[in-house]
PDB file of all heavy atoms in Angstrom:
ATOM      1  N   ILE A   1     -24.022  21.412  25.396  1.00  0.00           N
ATOM      2  CA  ILE A   1     -24.058  21.987  26.750  1.00  0.00           C
ATOM      3  C   ILE A   1     -24.669  21.001  27.737  1.00  0.00           C
ATOM      4  O   ILE A   1     -24.183  20.844  28.861  1.00  0.00           O
ATOM      5  CB  ILE A   1     -24.840  23.319  26.745  1.00  0.00           C
ATOM      6  CG1 ILE A   1     -24.025  24.413  26.040  1.00  0.00           C
ATOM      7  CG2 ILE A   1     -25.180  23.753  28.175  1.00  0.00           C
ATOM      8  CD1 ILE A   1     -24.793  25.702  25.814  1.00  0.00           C
ATOM      9  N   ASN A   2     -25.728  20.311  27.323  1.00  0.00           N
ATOM     10  CA  ASN A   2     -26.352  19.317  28.194  1.00  0.00           C
ATOM     11  C   ASN A   2     -25.402  18.162  28.506  1.00  0.00           C
ATOM     12  O   ASN A   2     -25.347  17.676  29.635  1.00  0.00           O
ATOM     13  CB  ASN A   2     -27.634  18.786  27.558  1.00  0.00           C
ATOM     14  CG  ASN A   2     -28.840  19.649  27.861  1.00  0.00           C
ATOM     15  OD1 ASN A   2     -29.125  19.960  29.014  1.00  0.00           O
ATOM     16  ND2 ASN A   2     -29.555  20.055  26.837  1.00  0.00           N
ATOM     17  N   LEU A   3     -24.661  17.725  27.500  1.00  0.00           N
ATOM     18  CA  LEU A   3     -23.702  16.639  27.728  1.00  0.00           C
ATOM     19  C   LEU A   3     -22.577  17.092  28.651  1.00  0.00           C
ATOM     20  O   LEU A   3     -22.110  16.329  29.498  1.00  0.00           O
ATOM     21  CB  LEU A   3     -23.129  16.158  26.394  1.00  0.00           C
ATOM     22  CG  LEU A   3     -24.063  15.303  25.534  1.00  0.00           C
ATOM     23  CD1 LEU A   3     -23.456  15.059  24.160  1.00  0.00           C
ATOM     24  CD2 LEU A   3     -24.368  13.972  26.226  1.00  0.00           C
ATOM     25  N   LYS A   4     -22.154  18.327  28.500  1.00  0.00           N
ATOM     26  CA  LYS A   4     -21.093  18.851  29.360  1.00  0.00           C
ATOM     27  C   LYS A   4     -21.579  18.995  30.801  1.00  0.00           C
ATOM     28  O   LYS A   4     -20.855  18.697  31.755  1.00  0.00           O
ATOM     29  CB  LYS A   4     -20.613  20.210  28.843  1.00  0.00           C
ATOM     30  CG  LYS A   4     -19.434  20.791  29.641  1.00  0.00           C
ATOM     31  CD  LYS A   4     -18.920  22.074  29.007  1.00  0.00           C
ATOM     32  CE  LYS A   4     -17.789  22.662  29.827  1.00  0.00           C
ATOM     33  NZ  LYS A   4     -16.619  21.763  29.897  1.00  0.00           N
ATOM     34  N   ALA A   5     -22.826  19.435  30.949  1.00  0.00           N
ATOM     35  CA  ALA A   5     -23.371  19.682  32.286  1.00  0.00           C
ATOM     36  C   ALA A   5     -23.761  18.400  33.012  1.00  0.00           C
ATOM     37  O   ALA A   5     -23.546  18.268  34.225  1.00  0.00           O
ATOM     38  CB  ALA A   5     -24.581  20.613  32.179  1.00  0.00           C
ATOM     39  N   PHE A   6     -24.349  17.427  32.273  1.00  0.00           N
ATOM     40  CA  PHE A   6     -24.917  16.247  32.918  1.00  0.00           C
ATOM     41  C   PHE A   6     -24.164  14.957  32.618  1.00  0.00           C
ATOM     42  O   PHE A   6     -24.494  13.907  33.167  1.00  0.00           O
ATOM     43  CB  PHE A   6     -26.381  16.087  32.514  1.00  0.00           C
ATOM     44  CG  PHE A   6     -27.237  17.275  32.880  1.00  0.00           C
ATOM     45  CD1 PHE A   6     -27.640  18.177  31.902  1.00  0.00           C
ATOM     46  CD2 PHE A   6     -27.607  17.508  34.185  1.00  0.00           C
ATOM     47  CE1 PHE A   6     -28.421  19.283  32.220  1.00  0.00           C
ATOM     48  CE2 PHE A   6     -28.391  18.602  34.528  1.00  0.00           C
ATOM     49  CZ  PHE A   6     -28.785  19.494  33.543  1.00  0.00           C
ATOM     50  N   GLY A   7     -23.156  15.026  31.733  1.00  0.00           N
ATOM     51  CA  GLY A   7     -22.374  13.833  31.438  1.00  0.00           C
ATOM     52  C   GLY A   7     -23.042  12.936  30.408  1.00  0.00           C
ATOM     53  O   GLY A   7     -24.081  13.263  29.843  1.00  0.00           O
ATOM     54  N   ALA A   8     -22.420  11.790  30.162  1.00  0.00           N
ATOM     55  CA  ALA A   8     -22.915  10.849  29.149  1.00  0.00           C
ATOM     56  C   ALA A   8     -24.317  10.365  29.501  1.00  0.00           C
ATOM     57  O   ALA A   8     -24.668  10.208  30.672  1.00  0.00           O
ATOM     58  CB  ALA A   8     -21.962   9.667  29.038  1.00  0.00           C
ATOM     59  N   MET A   9     -25.108  10.144  28.459  1.00  0.00           N
ATOM     60  CA  MET A   9     -26.476   9.658  28.651  1.00  0.00           C
ATOM     61  C   MET A   9     -26.941   8.974  27.370  1.00  0.00           C
ATOM     62  O   MET A   9     -26.289   9.083  26.322  1.00  0.00           O
ATOM     63  CB  MET A   9     -27.410  10.809  29.019  1.00  0.00           C
ATOM     64  CG  MET A   9     -27.556  11.870  27.946  1.00  0.00           C
ATOM     65  SD  MET A   9     -28.577  13.278  28.493  1.00  0.00           S
ATOM     66  CE  MET A   9     -27.379  14.189  29.477  1.00  0.00           C
ATOM     67  N   SER A  10     -28.066   8.283  27.458  1.00  0.00           N
ATOM     68  CA  SER A  10     -28.592   7.608  26.273  1.00  0.00           C
ATOM     69  C   SER A  10     -29.126   8.640  25.283  1.00  0.00           C
ATOM     70  O   SER A  10     -29.374   9.795  25.637  1.00  0.00           O
ATOM     71  CB  SER A  10     -29.711   6.640  26.663  1.00  0.00           C
ATOM     72  OG  SER A  10     -30.880   7.344  27.029  1.00  0.00           O
ATOM     73  N   LYS A  11     -29.312   8.192  24.053  1.00  0.00           N
ATOM     74  CA  LYS A  11     -29.841   9.087  23.030  1.00  0.00           C
ATOM     75  C   LYS A  11     -31.196   9.660  23.438  1.00  0.00           C
ATOM     76  O   LYS A  11     -31.438  10.864  23.320  1.00  0.00           O
ATOM     77  CB  LYS A  11     -29.970   8.348  21.699  1.00  0.00           C
ATOM     78  CG  LYS A  11     -28.647   8.030  21.018  1.00  0.00           C
ATOM     79  CD  LYS A  11     -28.879   7.346  19.677  1.00  0.00           C
ATOM     80  CE  LYS A  11     -27.567   7.062  18.968  1.00  0.00           C
ATOM     81  NZ  LYS A  11     -27.771   6.428  17.640  1.00  0.00           N
ATOM     82  N   MET A  12     -32.081   8.794  23.926  1.00  0.00           N
ATOM     83  CA  MET A  12     -33.419   9.249  24.282  1.00  0.00           C
ATOM     84  C   MET A  12     -33.395  10.180  25.496  1.00  0.00           C
ATOM     85  O   MET A  12     -34.204  11.111  25.585  1.00  0.00           O
ATOM     86  CB  MET A  12     -34.349   8.067  24.529  1.00  0.00           C
ATOM     87  CG  MET A  12     -34.817   7.362  23.259  1.00  0.00           C
ATOM     88  SD  MET A  12     -35.442   8.509  21.990  1.00  0.00           S
ATOM     89  CE  MET A  12     -36.804   9.310  22.852  1.00  0.00           C
ATOM     90  N   GLU A  13     -32.498   9.941  26.431  1.00  0.00           N
ATOM     91  CA  GLU A  13     -32.375  10.840  27.577  1.00  0.00           C
ATOM     92  C   GLU A  13     -31.974  12.232  27.118  1.00  0.00           C
ATOM     93  O   GLU A  13     -32.497  13.245  27.604  1.00  0.00           O
ATOM     94  CB  GLU A  13     -31.342  10.299  28.570  1.00  0.00           C
ATOM     95  CG  GLU A  13     -31.820   9.123  29.398  1.00  0.00           C
ATOM     96  CD  GLU A  13     -30.720   8.543  30.265  1.00  0.00           C
ATOM     97  OE1 GLU A  13     -29.530   8.617  29.874  1.00  0.00           O
ATOM     98  OE2 GLU A  13     -31.049   7.993  31.332  1.00  0.00           O
ATOM     99  N   LEU A  14     -31.040  12.277  26.174  1.00  0.00           N
ATOM    100  CA  LEU A  14     -30.582  13.559  25.650  1.00  0.00           C
ATOM    101  C   LEU A  14     -31.691  14.266  24.880  1.00  0.00           C
ATOM    102  O   LEU A  14     -31.888  15.478  25.024  1.00  0.00           O
ATOM    103  CB  LEU A  14     -29.364  13.339  24.744  1.00  0.00           C
ATOM    104  CG  LEU A  14     -28.699  14.588  24.147  1.00  0.00           C
ATOM    105  CD1 LEU A  14     -28.302  15.574  25.233  1.00  0.00           C
ATOM    106  CD2 LEU A  14     -27.487  14.185  23.317  1.00  0.00           C
ATOM    107  N   ILE A  15     -32.424  13.519  24.091  1.00  0.00           N
ATOM    108  CA  ILE A  15     -33.529  14.100  23.318  1.00  0.00           C
ATOM    109  C   ILE A  15     -34.625  14.623  24.241  1.00  0.00           C
ATOM    110  O   ILE A  15     -35.130  15.735  24.070  1.00  0.00           O
ATOM    111  CB  ILE A  15     -34.102  13.053  22.336  1.00  0.00           C
ATOM    112  CG1 ILE A  15     -33.078  12.757  21.229  1.00  0.00           C
ATOM    113  CG2 ILE A  15     -35.417  13.538  21.720  1.00  0.00           C
ATOM    114  CD1 ILE A  15     -33.434  11.574  20.352  1.00  0.00           C
ATOM    115  N   LYS A  16     -34.997  13.833  25.241  1.00  0.00           N
ATOM    116  CA  LYS A  16     -36.061  14.238  26.166  1.00  0.00           C
ATOM    117  C   LYS A  16     -35.645  15.422  27.022  1.00  0.00           C
ATOM    118  O   LYS A  16     -36.480  16.238  27.421  1.00  0.00           O
ATOM    119  CB  LYS A  16     -36.463  13.051  27.048  1.00  0.00           C
ATOM    120  CG  LYS A  16     -37.314  12.015  26.318  1.00  0.00           C
ATOM    121  CD  LYS A  16     -37.795  10.938  27.259  1.00  0.00           C
ATOM    122  CE  LYS A  16     -38.762   9.992  26.556  1.00  0.00           C
ATOM    123  NZ  LYS A  16     -40.014  10.673  26.156  1.00  0.00           N
ATOM    124  N   LYS A  17     -34.353  15.518  27.331  1.00  0.00           N
ATOM    125  CA  LYS A  17     -33.868  16.654  28.121  1.00  0.00           C
ATOM    126  C   LYS A  17     -34.073  17.959  27.366  1.00  0.00           C
ATOM    127  O   LYS A  17     -34.172  19.030  27.968  1.00  0.00           O
ATOM    128  CB  LYS A  17     -32.387  16.457  28.479  1.00  0.00           C
ATOM    129  CG  LYS A  17     -31.896  17.369  29.592  1.00  0.00           C
ATOM    130  CD  LYS A  17     -30.578  16.893  30.151  1.00  0.00           C
ATOM    131  CE  LYS A  17     -30.745  15.742  31.110  1.00  0.00           C
ATOM    132  NZ  LYS A  17     -31.417  16.151  32.379  1.00  0.00           N
ATOM    133  N   ASN A  18     -34.144  17.864  26.042  1.00  0.00           N
ATOM    134  CA  ASN A  18     -34.352  19.046  25.216  1.00  0.00           C
ATOM    135  C   ASN A  18     -35.800  19.181  24.738  1.00  0.00           C
ATOM    136  O   ASN A  18     -36.104  20.022  23.893  1.00  0.00           O
ATOM    137  CB  ASN A  18     -33.412  19.005  24.008  1.00  0.00           C
ATOM    138  CG  ASN A  18     -31.973  19.241  24.407  1.00  0.00           C
ATOM    139  OD1 ASN A  18     -31.549  20.378  24.606  1.00  0.00           O
ATOM    140  ND2 ASN A  18     -31.209  18.170  24.541  1.00  0.00           N
ATOM    141  N   ILE A  19     -36.691  18.333  25.280  1.00  0.00           N
ATOM    142  CA  ILE A  19     -38.126  18.384  24.962  1.00  0.00           C
ATOM    143  C   ILE A  19     -38.333  18.386  23.442  1.00  0.00           C
ATOM    144  O   ILE A  19     -38.953  19.288  22.871  1.00  0.00           O
ATOM    145  CB  ILE A  19     -38.802  19.627  25.601  1.00  0.00           C
ATOM    146  CG1 ILE A  19     -38.333  19.830  27.031  1.00  0.00           C
ATOM    147  CG2 ILE A  19     -40.321  19.473  25.558  1.00  0.00           C
ATOM    148  CD1 ILE A  19     -38.705  18.719  27.973  1.00  0.00           C
ATOM    149  N   GLN A  20     -37.798  17.354  22.784  1.00  0.00           N
ATOM    150  CA  GLN A  20     -37.938  17.244  21.343  1.00  0.00           C
ATOM    151  C   GLN A  20     -38.493  15.884  20.950  1.00  0.00           C
ATOM    152  O   GLN A  20     -38.417  14.930  21.723  1.00  0.00           O
ATOM    153  CB  GLN A  20     -36.585  17.463  20.652  1.00  0.00           C
ATOM    154  CG  GLN A  20     -36.142  18.925  20.637  1.00  0.00           C
ATOM    155  CD  GLN A  20     -34.923  19.136  19.778  1.00  0.00           C
ATOM    156  OE1 GLN A  20     -33.908  18.490  19.978  1.00  0.00           O
ATOM    157  NE2 GLN A  20     -35.009  20.060  18.834  1.00  0.00           N
ATOM    158  N   GLU A  21     -39.029  15.832  19.750  1.00  0.00           N
ATOM    159  CA  GLU A  21     -39.502  14.573  19.206  1.00  0.00           C
ATOM    160  C   GLU A  21     -38.295  13.737  18.776  1.00  0.00           C
ATOM    161  O   GLU A  21     -37.242  14.273  18.423  1.00  0.00           O
ATOM    162  CB  GLU A  21     -40.427  14.812  18.009  1.00  0.00           C
ATOM    163  CG  GLU A  21     -41.700  15.590  18.337  1.00  0.00           C
ATOM    164  CD  GLU A  21     -42.615  14.824  19.268  1.00  0.00           C
ATOM    165  OE1 GLU A  21     -42.646  13.579  19.171  1.00  0.00           O
ATOM    166  OE2 GLU A  21     -43.303  15.464  20.093  1.00  0.00           O
ATOM    167  N   LYS A  22     -38.460  12.406  18.785  1.00  0.00           N
ATOM    168  CA  LYS A  22     -37.353  11.507  18.478  1.00  0.00           C
ATOM    169  C   LYS A  22     -36.738  11.753  17.101  1.00  0.00           C
ATOM    170  O   LYS A  22     -35.502  11.829  16.993  1.00  0.00           O
ATOM    171  CB  LYS A  22     -37.807  10.045  18.606  1.00  0.00           C
ATOM    172  CG  LYS A  22     -36.679   9.049  18.370  1.00  0.00           C
ATOM    173  CD  LYS A  22     -37.150   7.621  18.576  1.00  0.00           C
ATOM    174  CE  LYS A  22     -36.011   6.629  18.306  1.00  0.00           C
ATOM    175  NZ  LYS A  22     -36.448   5.225  18.513  1.00  0.00           N
ATOM    176  N   PRO A  23     -37.528  11.891  16.017  1.00  0.00           N
ATOM    177  CA  PRO A  23     -36.917  12.096  14.695  1.00  0.00           C
ATOM    178  C   PRO A  23     -36.020  13.337  14.629  1.00  0.00           C
ATOM    179  O   PRO A  23     -34.910  13.278  14.087  1.00  0.00           O
ATOM    180  CB  PRO A  23     -38.131  12.229  13.762  1.00  0.00           C
ATOM    181  CG  PRO A  23     -39.214  11.480  14.454  1.00  0.00           C
ATOM    182  CD  PRO A  23     -38.999  11.756  15.909  1.00  0.00           C
ATOM    183  N   ALA A  24     -36.500  14.452  15.192  1.00  0.00           N
ATOM    184  CA  ALA A  24     -35.710  15.688  15.179  1.00  0.00           C
ATOM    185  C   ALA A  24     -34.452  15.536  16.034  1.00  0.00           C
ATOM    186  O   ALA A  24     -33.361  15.975  15.643  1.00  0.00           O
ATOM    187  CB  ALA A  24     -36.544  16.850  15.693  1.00  0.00           C
ATOM    188  N   GLY A  25     -34.610  14.904  17.192  1.00  0.00           N
ATOM    189  CA  GLY A  25     -33.467  14.692  18.078  1.00  0.00           C
ATOM    190  C   GLY A  25     -32.413  13.790  17.466  1.00  0.00           C
ATOM    191  O   GLY A  25     -31.205  14.053  17.579  1.00  0.00           O
ATOM    192  N   MET A  26     -32.845  12.722  16.813  1.00  0.00           N
ATOM    193  CA  MET A  26     -31.904  11.792  16.173  1.00  0.00           C
ATOM    194  C   MET A  26     -31.146  12.492  15.047  1.00  0.00           C
ATOM    195  O   MET A  26     -29.948  12.223  14.834  1.00  0.00           O
ATOM    196  CB  MET A  26     -32.650  10.574  15.638  1.00  0.00           C
ATOM    197  CG  MET A  26     -33.205   9.664  16.715  1.00  0.00           C
ATOM    198  SD  MET A  26     -31.931   9.011  17.827  1.00  0.00           S
ATOM    199  CE  MET A  26     -30.969   8.029  16.685  1.00  0.00           C
ATOM    200  N   GLN A  27     -31.797  13.382  14.341  1.00  0.00           N
ATOM    201  CA  GLN A  27     -31.142  14.124  13.272  1.00  0.00           C
ATOM    202  C   GLN A  27     -30.004  14.985  13.829  1.00  0.00           C
ATOM    203  O   GLN A  27     -28.914  15.048  13.253  1.00  0.00           O
ATOM    204  CB  GLN A  27     -32.160  15.007  12.544  1.00  0.00           C
ATOM    205  CG  GLN A  27     -31.628  15.668  11.295  1.00  0.00           C
ATOM    206  CD  GLN A  27     -32.706  16.445  10.558  1.00  0.00           C
ATOM    207  OE1 GLN A  27     -33.674  16.907  11.159  1.00  0.00           O
ATOM    208  NE2 GLN A  27     -32.543  16.594   9.256  1.00  0.00           N
ATOM    209  N   ILE A  28     -30.263  15.628  14.952  1.00  0.00           N
ATOM    210  CA  ILE A  28     -29.244  16.459  15.596  1.00  0.00           C
ATOM    211  C   ILE A  28     -28.087  15.599  16.085  1.00  0.00           C
ATOM    212  O   ILE A  28     -26.905  15.921  15.866  1.00  0.00           O
ATOM    213  CB  ILE A  28     -29.853  17.240  16.781  1.00  0.00           C
ATOM    214  CG1 ILE A  28     -30.917  18.217  16.276  1.00  0.00           C
ATOM    215  CG2 ILE A  28     -28.773  17.995  17.551  1.00  0.00           C
ATOM    216  CD1 ILE A  28     -31.831  18.747  17.356  1.00  0.00           C
ATOM    217  N   ILE A  29     -28.406  14.487  16.749  1.00  0.00           N
ATOM    218  CA  ILE A  29     -27.370  13.593  17.265  1.00  0.00           C
ATOM    219  C   ILE A  29     -26.507  13.049  16.127  1.00  0.00           C
ATOM    220  O   ILE A  29     -25.270  13.028  16.230  1.00  0.00           O
ATOM    221  CB  ILE A  29     -28.016  12.440  18.070  1.00  0.00           C
ATOM    222  CG1 ILE A  29     -28.565  12.973  19.394  1.00  0.00           C
ATOM    223  CG2 ILE A  29     -27.000  11.325  18.326  1.00  0.00           C
ATOM    224  CD1 ILE A  29     -29.379  11.968  20.172  1.00  0.00           C
TER     225      ILE A  29
END
């Protein structure tokens, strides 16, 4: 949903937009 709403972004931008730690965010990505 974030990618659809805000368009392409870096991995860390996407993780921070969801207020998550890097390891958990990278697992999702």
